[in-house]
Amino acid sequence: MDAVRVHFFLCLEVFFISELSINGQIRDREVRLISADGEQLGIMSSKEAQALADEAGLDLVKIAPTANPPVCKIVDYGKFRYEQSRKEKEAKKKQKMVELKEIRLSPNIDTNDLNTKANTAKKFLAKGDRVKVTLRFRGREMAHMNTSKHVLDDFAEALADVAVVEKPAKVEGRTMHIVLAEKK
């Protein structure tokens, strides 16, 4: 009964954790075998490879199923999965998520206020984020959308030394916006 439960949980682990085939799940006629210490043992039948793994008291894991012939390695499967998950976590830590920060302006913004918003945008760009500059129109300002485009142009010009315009001015409903990205 206990052996059945262990086998069931091993099958669940293989199903949920990875697509790797281990031990009896390897159905290929012949495989390229790598020993536990990394030495190439050559091409042999999967039964011979399984016998070598059993003799060493370890598992036979198919690590490159698309290769011709598939590559299998003799390893401790639990330890192998642990190392794989640690590598994946390390890779995630090193990734940088680029966020899109938004700065809102109005068409009748004063130059000092525009400079303050530009300094805020510089901080965002220095962190590596992209900045969406939105010009919001209300009431009668809607009638003068075309003449207010200069506010976005002035903002982009103020940041010209640290940023480039990734997406030019675009009107959507009551807003006009541009997207700035850090200069490389």
Protein backbone atom coordinates (compact mmCIF):
# COMPACT_ATOMS: atom_id res chain seq x y z
CA MET A 1 0.00 0.00 0.00
CA ASP A 2 2.79 2.44 0.91
CA ALA A 3 4.69 1.71 -2.32
CA VAL A 4 1.53 2.55 -4.30
CA ARG A 5 1.18 5.90 -2.48
CA VAL A 6 4.86 6.75 -3.04
CA HIS A 7 4.54 5.92 -6.74
CA PHE A 8 1.34 8.01 -6.96
CA PHE A 9 3.01 11.06 -5.38
CA LEU A 10 6.09 10.65 -7.59
CA CYS A 11 3.82 10.62 -10.63
CA LEU A 12 2.01 13.73 -9.37
CA GLU A 13 5.33 15.46 -8.76
CA VAL A 14 6.49 14.69 -12.28
CA PHE A 15 3.15 15.87 -13.71
CA PHE A 16 3.04 19.18 -11.84
CA ILE A 17 6.71 20.07 -11.44
CA SER A 18 8.22 19.30 -14.81
CA GLU A 19 8.00 17.57 -18.12
CA LEU A 20 11.05 15.38 -17.37
CA SER A 21 10.82 11.63 -17.82
CA ILE A 22 12.46 9.49 -15.15
CA ASN A 23 13.34 5.80 -14.82
CA GLY A 24 10.53 3.62 -16.25
CA GLN A 25 8.91 6.53 -18.09
CA ILE A 26 11.76 6.64 -20.61
CA ARG A 27 10.53 4.64 -23.61
CA ASP A 28 13.23 5.50 -26.18
CA ARG A 29 15.10 2.65 -27.85
CA GLU A 30 18.54 4.18 -27.29
CA VAL A 31 19.80 7.17 -25.32
CA ARG A 32 23.04 9.12 -24.86
CA LEU A 33 24.04 8.58 -21.22
CA ILE A 34 25.89 10.92 -18.87
CA SER A 35 27.11 9.56 -15.54
CA ALA A 36 26.54 11.15 -12.13
CA ASP A 37 29.95 12.85 -12.22
CA GLY A 38 29.34 14.34 -15.73
CA GLU A 39 31.31 11.80 -17.76
CA GLN A 40 29.85 10.77 -21.15
CA LEU A 41 29.17 7.03 -21.21
CA GLY A 42 28.04 6.98 -24.86
CA ILE A 43 24.95 5.76 -26.67
CA MET A 44 23.23 2.67 -25.30
CA SER A 45 19.78 1.14 -24.94
CA SER A 46 17.50 2.63 -22.31
CA LYS A 47 17.40 -0.73 -20.49
CA GLU A 48 21.19 -0.74 -20.11
CA ALA A 49 21.11 2.87 -18.94
CA GLN A 50 18.42 2.03 -16.39
CA ALA A 51 20.48 -0.90 -15.14
CA LEU A 52 23.51 1.39 -14.64
CA ALA A 53 21.32 3.89 -12.75
CA ASP A 54 19.89 1.15 -10.53
CA GLU A 55 23.40 -0.17 -9.88
CA ALA A 56 24.48 3.30 -8.72
CA GLY A 57 21.35 3.64 -6.57
CA LEU A 58 20.24 6.78 -8.47
CA ASP A 59 17.59 7.79 -10.99
CA LEU A 60 17.78 7.95 -14.77
CA VAL A 61 16.47 11.36 -15.92
CA LYS A 62 15.88 12.43 -19.52
CA ILE A 63 17.35 15.97 -19.55
CA ALA A 64 17.27 16.68 -23.31
CA PRO A 65 14.26 14.92 -24.84
CA THR A 66 14.51 16.69 -28.22
CA ALA A 67 18.11 15.67 -28.92
CA ASN A 68 18.80 12.80 -31.30
CA PRO A 69 19.25 10.39 -29.48
CA PRO A 70 17.71 11.82 -26.27
CA VAL A 71 20.21 12.68 -23.51
CA CYS A 72 19.75 11.01 -20.13
CA LYS A 73 21.71 11.56 -16.94
CA ILE A 74 22.17 9.45 -13.83
CA VAL A 75 21.29 11.71 -10.89
CA ASP A 76 19.46 11.82 -7.57
CA TYR A 77 16.10 13.10 -8.85
CA GLY A 78 15.10 14.95 -5.66
CA LYS A 79 18.40 16.81 -5.55
CA PHE A 80 18.18 17.53 -9.27
CA ARG A 81 14.69 19.09 -8.94
CA TYR A 82 15.84 21.17 -5.95
CA GLU A 83 18.79 22.57 -7.91
CA GLN A 84 16.55 23.30 -10.89
CA SER A 85 14.08 25.27 -8.73
CA ARG A 86 16.95 27.24 -7.15
CA LYS A 87 18.29 28.15 -10.61
CA GLU A 88 14.82 29.31 -11.70
CA LYS A 89 14.47 31.49 -8.57
CA GLU A 90 17.90 33.05 -9.17
CA ALA A 91 16.96 33.81 -12.78
CA LYS A 92 13.74 35.51 -11.59
CA LYS A 93 15.65 37.63 -9.08
CA LYS A 94 17.95 38.96 -11.80
CA GLN A 95 15.06 40.01 -14.06
CA LYS A 96 14.13 43.69 -14.06
CA MET A 97 10.48 44.47 -14.55
CA VAL A 98 10.13 47.76 -16.45
CA GLU A 99 7.13 49.63 -15.14
CA LEU A 100 5.15 52.34 -16.88
CA LYS A 101 4.82 55.36 -14.60
CA GLU A 102 2.27 58.06 -15.41
CA ILE A 103 2.61 61.82 -15.02
CA ARG A 104 -0.51 63.91 -15.53
CA LEU A 105 -0.47 67.43 -16.85
CA SER A 106 -3.14 70.01 -17.71
CA PRO A 107 -3.08 72.23 -20.81
CA ASN A 108 -2.62 75.43 -18.78
CA ILE A 109 0.29 74.24 -16.64
CA ASP A 110 2.87 76.82 -15.57
CA THR A 111 6.58 76.44 -16.45
CA ASN A 112 7.67 75.88 -12.84
CA ASP A 113 5.08 73.15 -12.39
CA LEU A 114 6.21 71.63 -15.69
CA ASN A 115 9.84 71.62 -14.46
CA THR A 116 8.81 69.95 -11.19
CA LYS A 117 6.98 67.22 -13.09
CA ALA A 118 9.99 66.86 -15.41
CA ASN A 119 12.28 66.29 -12.39
CA THR A 120 9.90 63.58 -11.16
CA ALA A 121 10.00 61.97 -14.60
CA LYS A 122 13.83 62.07 -14.54
CA LYS A 123 13.78 60.10 -11.27
CA PHE A 124 11.50 57.48 -12.81
CA LEU A 125 13.69 57.23 -15.91
CA ALA A 126 16.84 56.91 -13.77
CA LYS A 127 15.29 53.83 -12.10
CA GLY A 128 14.79 52.30 -15.55
CA ASP A 129 11.04 52.80 -15.80
CA ARG A 130 9.17 54.19 -18.79
CA VAL A 131 7.08 57.33 -18.34
CA LYS A 132 3.66 58.01 -19.83
CA VAL A 133 2.96 61.75 -19.88
CA THR A 134 -0.78 62.42 -20.05
CA LEU A 135 -2.37 65.74 -20.91
CA ARG A 136 -5.96 65.78 -19.62
CA PHE A 137 -8.62 68.04 -21.11
CA ARG A 138 -11.78 69.19 -19.33
CA GLY A 139 -14.72 71.28 -20.50
CA ARG A 140 -13.79 74.02 -22.98
CA GLU A 141 -10.20 72.77 -23.13
CA MET A 142 -11.50 70.03 -25.45
CA ALA A 143 -12.00 72.63 -28.21
CA HIS A 144 -8.28 73.56 -28.15
CA MET A 145 -6.65 70.11 -28.12
CA ASN A 146 -4.49 70.79 -31.19
CA THR A 147 -2.99 74.00 -29.76
CA SER A 148 -2.13 72.29 -26.44
CA LYS A 149 0.19 69.71 -28.01
CA HIS A 150 3.09 72.09 -27.36
CA VAL A 151 2.88 71.25 -23.63
CA LEU A 152 3.84 67.62 -24.35
CA ASP A 153 6.52 68.79 -26.78
CA ASP A 154 7.98 71.14 -24.15
CA PHE A 155 7.97 68.31 -21.60
CA ALA A 156 9.79 65.96 -23.99
CA GLU A 157 12.26 68.73 -24.84
CA ALA A 158 12.98 69.31 -21.13
CA LEU A 159 13.89 65.61 -20.83
CA ALA A 160 15.73 65.35 -24.16
CA ASP A 161 19.10 64.77 -22.45
CA VAL A 162 17.91 61.66 -20.55
CA ALA A 163 14.90 60.38 -22.53
CA VAL A 164 13.66 59.62 -26.00
CA VAL A 165 10.06 59.65 -27.22
CA GLU A 166 9.07 56.01 -27.57
CA LYS A 167 5.50 56.71 -28.73
CA PRO A 168 4.56 60.09 -30.22
CA ALA A 169 1.57 62.17 -29.12
CA LYS A 170 -1.71 60.33 -29.47
CA VAL A 171 -5.24 61.48 -28.65
CA GLU A 172 -7.60 59.08 -26.87
CA GLY A 173 -10.90 60.54 -25.73
CA ARG A 174 -10.25 63.42 -23.33
CA THR A 175 -6.51 62.76 -23.09
CA MET A 176 -3.40 63.17 -25.18
CA HIS A 177 -0.29 61.22 -24.20
CA ILE A 178 3.29 60.37 -25.11
CA VAL A 179 5.55 57.62 -23.78
CA LEU A 180 9.17 58.37 -22.88
CA ALA A 181 11.93 55.82 -22.38
CA GLU A 182 15.44 56.15 -20.99
CA LYS A 183 18.11 57.12 -23.50
CA LYS A 184 20.56 54.27 -24.03
